[in-house]
Amino acid sequence: MRFLFLLVITFALQPVSKAQNFSKVDSFVDYLRQNEQFMGAISLKKGSATPVTYVGGFSSVESRAAVNTKTTFRIGSITKMFTSVMIHQLWEEGKLDLTDKLSMYFPEFPGGENITLSNLLYHQSGIHNFTDEQEYVAYMTEPKTHEEMLAIMMKYPADFEPGADSKYSNSNYVLLGYIIEQVTGSSYKEQLEQRIVKPLGLKQTKAGFPGNSESEEAYSYIDASVKWMPSPVTDLSIPHGAGMIVSTPSDLCIFIEGLFKGKLLADSTVDEMTRLRGRYGKGIFFIPFYEHKAYGHTGGIDGFVSSLAYFPKDSLAIAICLNGMRY
């Protein structure tokens, strides 16, 4: 996936006379399609233009339903960008402070009196990543309540003292998702719709419904050489604010451009989100590419893999959502 993403970036950043001329991307994706090397969709958005989307493969191998521009994909950890945006919106509204301690929201959480919301956002809380444990595979397909997930996360010892190191942990953003619900008194799904989906006019972005419950949602597959094998399906109650969103690459391009164009947060807040502390920004990765600089995130859940990046100086957004890949 990383190599595919870098190639698409390379082609998309070629100097062109027209904003919509992505001919090298088009020929590259066509080659992948002809050789059945990927299933999914790739979108590019330059400036104010409508996203250009390339599709290939099947949303359902069993029914031979082809991926189309409305096919939705689980975007995994790209969800963390949406969660971070909503936390910062609440901060701008004065409904929480980034220096708030985790113990304000979950008094029972071990060490919570020393963990701030900023620690969670920067992956500097020390809270262990529950998806790293072998037992995760045994329950990942089953619905879990917030209470059940809290019990799972609280039973692991901390990896380090808050602020002492950076270590990626899905637990951080599950907790942030729960905090959004506590502060607003409504569900993460409702807040996503109200705060991001409607303001940006996103058409295919949702949170929290069961796998494949809607006709446009893709199934994901693992390459078994001879044929595509269906992947296990995670119940989205488990990743919550760390990975529960379903979207399209075109919606993702609109989202990340909207973020950097000031449609969701003040410019100063976006600058704060992108400022690195340790290895991470606040729900955002820094993506250097020669003289170009981008910000975004990657995602992986079940057999889905995704990448999202925005190059501010090039006014270019790139999103890739795959439900199966061999390349």
Protein backbone atom coordinates (compact mmCIF):
# COMPACT_ATOMS: atom_id res chain seq x y z
CA MET A 1 0.00 0.00 0.00
CA ARG A 2 2.81 2.42 0.87
CA PHE A 3 4.45 1.91 -2.53
CA LEU A 4 1.12 2.32 -4.35
CA PHE A 5 0.46 5.54 -2.43
CA LEU A 6 3.90 6.95 -3.27
CA LEU A 7 3.47 6.17 -6.96
CA VAL A 8 0.09 7.89 -7.09
CA ILE A 9 1.60 10.93 -5.33
CA THR A 10 4.48 10.96 -7.82
CA PHE A 11 2.14 10.94 -10.81
CA ALA A 12 -0.32 13.41 -9.27
CA LEU A 13 2.41 15.97 -8.52
CA GLN A 14 3.66 15.98 -12.14
CA PRO A 15 3.55 19.54 -13.55
CA VAL A 16 0.42 19.82 -15.69
CA SER A 17 -1.24 22.57 -17.69
CA LYS A 18 -4.74 21.73 -16.42
CA ALA A 19 -5.76 20.92 -12.85
CA GLN A 20 -7.75 17.87 -13.94
CA ASN A 21 -5.02 16.30 -16.07
CA PHE A 22 -4.03 13.19 -14.14
CA SER A 23 -3.27 11.14 -17.26
CA LYS A 24 -0.33 9.26 -15.72
CA VAL A 25 -2.45 8.25 -12.74
CA ASP A 26 -5.16 7.12 -15.15
CA SER A 27 -2.82 4.89 -17.17
CA PHE A 28 -1.22 3.47 -14.01
CA VAL A 29 -4.56 2.59 -12.42
CA ASP A 30 -5.75 1.10 -15.71
CA TYR A 31 -2.71 -1.18 -15.70
CA LEU A 32 -3.51 -2.33 -12.15
CA ARG A 33 -7.14 -2.96 -13.12
CA GLN A 34 -6.25 -5.01 -16.17
CA ASN A 35 -3.95 -7.20 -14.10
CA GLU A 36 -6.37 -7.53 -11.17
CA GLN A 37 -3.86 -6.09 -8.73
CA PHE A 38 -6.27 -4.10 -6.59
CA MET A 39 -9.91 -3.64 -5.67
CA GLY A 40 -11.04 -0.24 -4.54
CA ALA A 41 -11.00 3.43 -5.47
CA ILE A 42 -8.53 6.29 -5.75
CA SER A 43 -9.52 9.97 -5.71
CA LEU A 44 -7.54 13.12 -6.40
CA LYS A 45 -8.72 16.68 -5.87
CA LYS A 46 -6.82 19.70 -7.16
CA GLY A 47 -7.86 23.11 -5.91
CA SER A 48 -11.59 23.81 -6.14
CA ALA A 49 -12.18 21.14 -8.79
CA THR A 50 -14.45 18.16 -8.22
CA PRO A 51 -12.52 15.04 -7.13
CA VAL A 52 -11.43 12.71 -9.93
CA THR A 53 -12.04 9.07 -8.96
CA TYR A 54 -10.66 5.83 -10.40
CA VAL A 55 -12.23 2.50 -9.49
CA GLY A 56 -11.41 -1.16 -10.00
CA GLY A 57 -12.40 -4.64 -8.91
CA PHE A 58 -15.43 -5.78 -6.96
CA SER A 59 -17.22 -4.48 -3.88
CA SER A 60 -18.46 -8.07 -3.55
CA VAL A 61 -16.50 -10.85 -5.19
CA GLU A 62 -19.29 -13.33 -4.51
CA SER A 63 -21.99 -11.34 -6.35
CA ARG A 64 -19.51 -9.81 -8.86
CA ALA A 65 -20.76 -6.32 -7.93
CA ALA A 66 -18.24 -3.82 -9.27
CA VAL A 67 -16.74 -1.02 -7.22
CA ASN A 68 -18.22 2.33 -8.29
CA THR A 69 -17.80 5.95 -7.24
CA LYS A 70 -20.46 5.55 -4.51
CA THR A 71 -18.95 2.41 -3.00
CA THR A 72 -18.02 3.01 0.65
CA PHE A 73 -15.05 1.54 2.48
CA ARG A 74 -14.08 1.20 6.10
CA ILE A 75 -11.33 3.78 6.54
CA GLY A 76 -9.88 2.43 9.80
CA SER A 77 -7.54 4.83 11.56
CA ILE A 78 -8.24 7.77 9.24
CA THR A 79 -11.21 8.02 11.63
CA LYS A 80 -8.72 9.48 14.13
CA MET A 81 -8.48 12.66 12.05
CA PHE A 82 -12.26 13.13 12.31
CA THR A 83 -12.15 12.46 16.06
CA SER A 84 -9.35 14.99 16.54
CA VAL A 85 -11.28 17.61 14.56
CA MET A 86 -14.37 17.15 16.74
CA ILE A 87 -12.34 17.34 19.97
CA HIS A 88 -10.76 20.59 18.75
CA GLN A 89 -14.17 21.97 17.73
CA LEU A 90 -15.40 21.35 21.29
CA TRP A 91 -12.24 23.05 22.57
CA GLU A 92 -12.90 26.11 20.36
CA GLU A 93 -16.46 26.19 21.73
CA GLY A 94 -15.16 26.15 25.31
CA LYS A 95 -16.84 22.84 26.10
CA LEU A 96 -13.59 21.12 27.11
CA ASP A 97 -9.95 21.95 27.57
CA LEU A 98 -7.04 20.05 26.09
CA THR A 99 -5.42 20.11 29.52
CA ASP A 100 -8.42 18.28 31.02
CA LYS A 101 -7.40 15.10 32.80
CA LEU A 102 -8.78 11.74 31.73
CA SER A 103 -9.94 11.28 35.32
CA MET A 104 -12.52 14.06 34.76
CA TYR A 105 -14.32 11.75 32.37
CA PHE A 106 -13.34 8.33 33.64
CA PRO A 107 -12.40 8.57 37.35
CA GLU A 108 -11.84 4.82 37.50
CA PHE A 109 -9.16 4.74 34.77
CA PRO A 110 -5.73 3.87 36.26
CA GLY A 111 -3.38 6.86 36.17
CA GLY A 112 -6.09 9.03 34.62
CA GLU A 113 -5.28 11.94 36.94
CA ASN A 114 -1.94 12.34 35.10
CA ILE A 115 -3.19 11.91 31.52
CA THR A 116 -4.44 14.96 29.60
CA LEU A 117 -6.55 15.08 26.44
CA SER A 118 -3.44 16.37 24.66
CA ASN A 119 -1.58 13.23 25.77
CA LEU A 120 -4.34 11.14 24.17
CA LEU A 121 -4.32 13.18 20.96
CA TYR A 122 -0.53 12.93 20.61
CA HIS A 123 -0.36 9.21 21.50
CA GLN A 124 1.66 10.17 24.57
CA SER A 125 -0.68 8.82 27.25
CA GLY A 126 1.16 5.52 27.79
CA ILE A 127 -2.18 3.68 27.64
CA HIS A 128 -1.58 0.26 26.11
CA ASN A 129 -2.95 -0.45 22.64
CA PHE A 130 -5.62 -3.13 23.16
CA THR A 131 -5.45 -4.27 19.51
CA ASP A 132 -1.84 -5.42 20.08
CA GLU A 133 -3.02 -8.26 22.32
CA GLN A 134 -3.70 -11.75 20.95
CA GLU A 135 -7.08 -11.90 22.70
CA TYR A 136 -8.33 -9.05 20.47
CA VAL A 137 -8.82 -11.49 17.58
CA ALA A 138 -11.15 -13.59 19.73
CA TYR A 139 -13.66 -10.78 20.37
CA MET A 140 -13.20 -8.32 17.47
CA THR A 141 -16.31 -9.52 15.61
CA GLU A 142 -18.59 -9.19 18.66
CA PRO A 143 -20.45 -6.02 19.76
CA LYS A 144 -18.97 -4.40 22.85
CA THR A 145 -20.42 -1.77 25.17
CA HIS A 146 -18.38 1.21 26.32
CA GLU A 147 -18.18 -0.39 29.76
CA GLU A 148 -16.82 -3.64 28.32
CA MET A 149 -14.21 -1.80 26.27
CA LEU A 150 -13.17 0.32 29.24
CA ALA A 151 -12.66 -2.84 31.29
CA ILE A 152 -10.47 -4.29 28.53
CA MET A 153 -8.34 -1.13 28.22
CA MET A 154 -7.95 -0.66 31.98
CA LYS A 155 -6.62 -4.13 32.66
CA TYR A 156 -3.31 -3.61 30.80
CA PRO A 157 -0.38 -1.92 32.56
CA ALA A 158 0.73 1.44 31.16
CA ASP A 159 3.55 1.32 28.61
CA PHE A 160 5.22 4.49 30.00
CA GLU A 161 4.53 7.59 32.07
CA PRO A 162 2.29 10.18 30.36
CA GLY A 163 4.33 12.50 28.16
CA ALA A 164 7.52 10.44 28.48
CA ASP A 165 7.29 8.83 25.03
CA SER A 166 5.15 8.44 21.90
CA LYS A 167 3.52 5.13 21.05
CA TYR A 168 0.61 4.65 18.69
CA SER A 169 -2.40 3.33 20.57
CA ASN A 170 -5.97 2.86 19.35
CA SER A 171 -7.03 3.05 23.01
CA ASN A 172 -6.33 6.80 23.02
CA TYR A 173 -8.87 7.55 20.31
CA VAL A 174 -11.51 5.14 21.55
CA LEU A 175 -11.43 7.15 24.78
CA LEU A 176 -11.58 10.46 22.87
CA GLY A 177 -14.63 9.19 20.99
CA TYR A 178 -16.32 8.38 24.29
CA ILE A 179 -15.41 11.84 25.62
CA ILE A 180 -17.08 13.50 22.61
CA GLU A 181 -20.26 11.64 23.54
CA GLN A 182 -19.98 12.58 27.22
CA VAL A 183 -19.45 16.28 26.52
CA THR A 184 -22.20 16.60 23.90
CA GLY A 185 -24.74 14.15 25.31
CA SER A 186 -25.22 12.54 21.89
CA SER A 187 -23.67 9.74 19.89
CA TYR A 188 -20.41 9.90 17.96
CA LYS A 189 -22.43 9.16 14.81
CA GLU A 190 -24.71 12.15 15.42
CA GLN A 191 -21.80 14.46 16.19
CA LEU A 192 -19.97 13.37 13.03
CA GLU A 193 -23.06 14.16 10.97
CA GLN A 194 -23.63 17.53 12.63
CA ARG A 195 -20.05 18.76 12.84
CA ILE A 196 -18.38 17.45 9.68
CA VAL A 197 -20.67 15.64 7.24
CA LYS A 198 -23.35 18.33 6.85
CA PRO A 199 -21.04 21.39 6.88
CA LEU A 200 -18.87 19.89 4.12
CA GLY A 201 -21.72 18.29 2.16
CA LEU A 202 -20.22 14.81 2.37
CA LYS A 203 -22.44 12.24 0.65
CA GLN A 204 -21.17 8.83 1.71
CA THR A 205 -19.54 9.31 5.12
CA LYS A 206 -21.10 7.63 8.15
CA ALA A 207 -20.15 6.04 11.44
CA GLY A 208 -21.08 3.00 13.39
CA PHE A 209 -23.42 0.87 11.35
CA PRO A 210 -22.79 -2.89 11.09
CA GLY A 211 -20.64 -4.28 8.29
CA ASN A 212 -22.24 -4.47 4.86
CA SER A 213 -25.66 -3.39 6.09
CA GLU A 214 -25.97 -0.97 3.19
CA SER A 215 -25.81 -1.93 -0.46
CA GLU A 216 -22.97 0.43 -1.35
CA GLU A 217 -20.58 -0.76 1.37
CA ALA A 218 -17.74 -2.93 0.11
CA TYR A 219 -16.73 -6.25 1.61
CA SER A 220 -13.02 -6.71 2.18
CA TYR A 221 -10.79 -9.54 1.03
CA ILE A 222 -7.41 -11.11 1.66
CA ASP A 223 -5.33 -12.27 -1.28
CA ALA A 224 -5.09 -16.05 -1.18
CA SER A 225 -3.12 -16.20 -4.45
CA VAL A 226 -5.64 -18.33 -6.35
CA LYS A 227 -8.72 -16.38 -5.23
CA TRP A 228 -9.86 -13.58 -2.96
CA MET A 229 -10.86 -14.79 0.51
CA PRO A 230 -13.36 -12.81 2.63
CA SER A 231 -11.80 -11.07 5.62
CA PRO A 232 -13.24 -11.32 9.15
CA VAL A 233 -15.52 -8.36 9.93
CA THR A 234 -14.78 -6.20 12.97
CA ASP A 235 -17.80 -4.96 14.90
CA LEU A 236 -17.51 -1.17 14.70
CA SER A 237 -18.56 -0.70 18.32
CA ILE A 238 -15.00 -1.76 19.21
CA PRO A 239 -12.78 0.77 17.33
CA HIS A 240 -15.26 3.62 17.87
CA GLY A 241 -13.40 6.97 17.61
CA ALA A 242 -10.26 5.14 16.53
CA GLY A 243 -11.73 3.43 13.47
CA MET A 244 -15.52 3.31 13.07
CA ILE A 245 -16.04 5.56 10.01
CA VAL A 246 -17.07 4.38 6.55
CA SER A 247 -16.46 6.72 3.60
CA THR A 248 -15.36 7.12 0.00
CA PRO A 249 -12.03 8.50 -1.24
CA SER A 250 -13.80 11.46 -2.86
CA ASP A 251 -15.46 12.37 0.45
CA LEU A 252 -12.09 12.02 2.18
CA CYS A 253 -10.52 14.47 -0.28
CA ILE A 254 -13.30 16.98 0.41
CA PHE A 255 -12.90 16.46 4.16
CA ILE A 256 -9.16 17.04 4.32
CA GLU A 257 -9.28 20.02 1.94
CA GLY A 258 -12.10 21.49 4.04
CA LEU A 259 -9.99 21.07 7.16
CA PHE A 260 -7.01 22.91 5.69
CA LYS A 261 -9.19 25.59 4.07
CA GLY A 262 -10.67 26.64 7.42
CA LYS A 263 -14.14 25.17 6.96
CA LEU A 264 -14.04 23.14 10.18
CA LEU A 265 -11.56 24.84 12.50
CA ALA A 266 -9.63 28.09 12.83
CA ASP A 267 -6.31 28.16 10.98
CA SER A 268 -4.44 28.48 14.28
CA THR A 269 -6.13 25.31 15.54
CA VAL A 270 -5.19 23.37 12.40
CA ASP A 271 -1.61 24.59 12.86
CA GLU A 272 -1.74 23.22 16.41
CA MET A 273 -3.04 19.86 15.17
CA THR A 274 -0.19 19.52 12.68
CA ARG A 275 2.55 20.51 15.13
CA LEU A 276 4.55 17.39 15.94
CA ARG A 277 5.21 16.30 19.49
CA GLY A 278 7.38 13.22 19.49
CA ARG A 279 6.44 11.23 16.40
CA TYR A 280 2.87 12.44 15.88
CA GLY A 281 0.60 15.40 15.45
CA LYS A 282 -2.87 15.44 16.95
CA GLY A 283 -4.55 12.74 14.89
CA ILE A 284 -2.39 13.69 11.90
CA PHE A 285 0.79 12.31 10.38
CA PHE A 286 3.39 14.49 8.62
CA ILE A 287 4.17 13.09 5.15
CA PRO A 288 7.34 14.47 3.52
CA PHE A 289 7.77 13.88 -0.22
CA TYR A 290 10.97 15.43 -1.59
CA GLU A 291 10.33 19.21 -1.63
CA HIS A 292 6.61 18.70 -1.09
CA LYS A 293 4.97 18.41 2.34
CA ALA A 294 1.67 16.74 3.14
CA TYR A 295 -0.45 15.91 6.17
CA GLY A 296 -2.84 13.02 6.58
CA HIS A 297 -3.31 9.55 7.98
CA THR A 298 -3.41 5.90 7.02
CA GLY A 299 -5.92 3.24 7.96
CA GLY A 300 -6.29 -0.51 8.13
CA ILE A 301 -9.19 -2.59 9.39
CA ASP A 302 -10.13 -6.14 8.38
CA GLY A 303 -8.93 -6.40 4.76
CA PHE A 304 -9.38 -2.68 4.09
CA VAL A 305 -6.36 -0.40 3.67
CA SER A 306 -6.53 3.34 3.10
CA SER A 307 -4.38 6.46 2.87
CA LEU A 308 -5.24 10.15 2.89
CA ALA A 309 -2.93 13.13 2.30
CA TYR A 310 -3.19 16.84 1.60
CA PHE A 311 -0.40 18.96 0.13
CA PRO A 312 -1.29 22.54 1.21
CA LYS A 313 1.14 24.34 -1.11
CA ASP A 314 0.04 22.22 -4.07
CA SER A 315 -3.69 22.38 -3.15
CA LEU A 316 -3.76 18.64 -3.80
CA ALA A 317 -5.70 15.98 -1.90
CA ILE A 318 -5.16 12.27 -2.50
CA ALA A 319 -7.17 9.39 -1.02
CA ILE A 320 -6.91 5.67 -1.62
CA CYS A 321 -9.43 3.14 -0.25
CA LEU A 322 -8.89 -0.52 -1.05
CA ASN A 323 -10.91 -3.59 -0.10
CA GLY A 324 -8.36 -5.96 -1.60
CA MET A 325 -4.82 -5.61 -2.93
CA ARG A 326 -2.06 -7.69 -4.44
CA TYR A 327 0.18 -4.84 -5.60
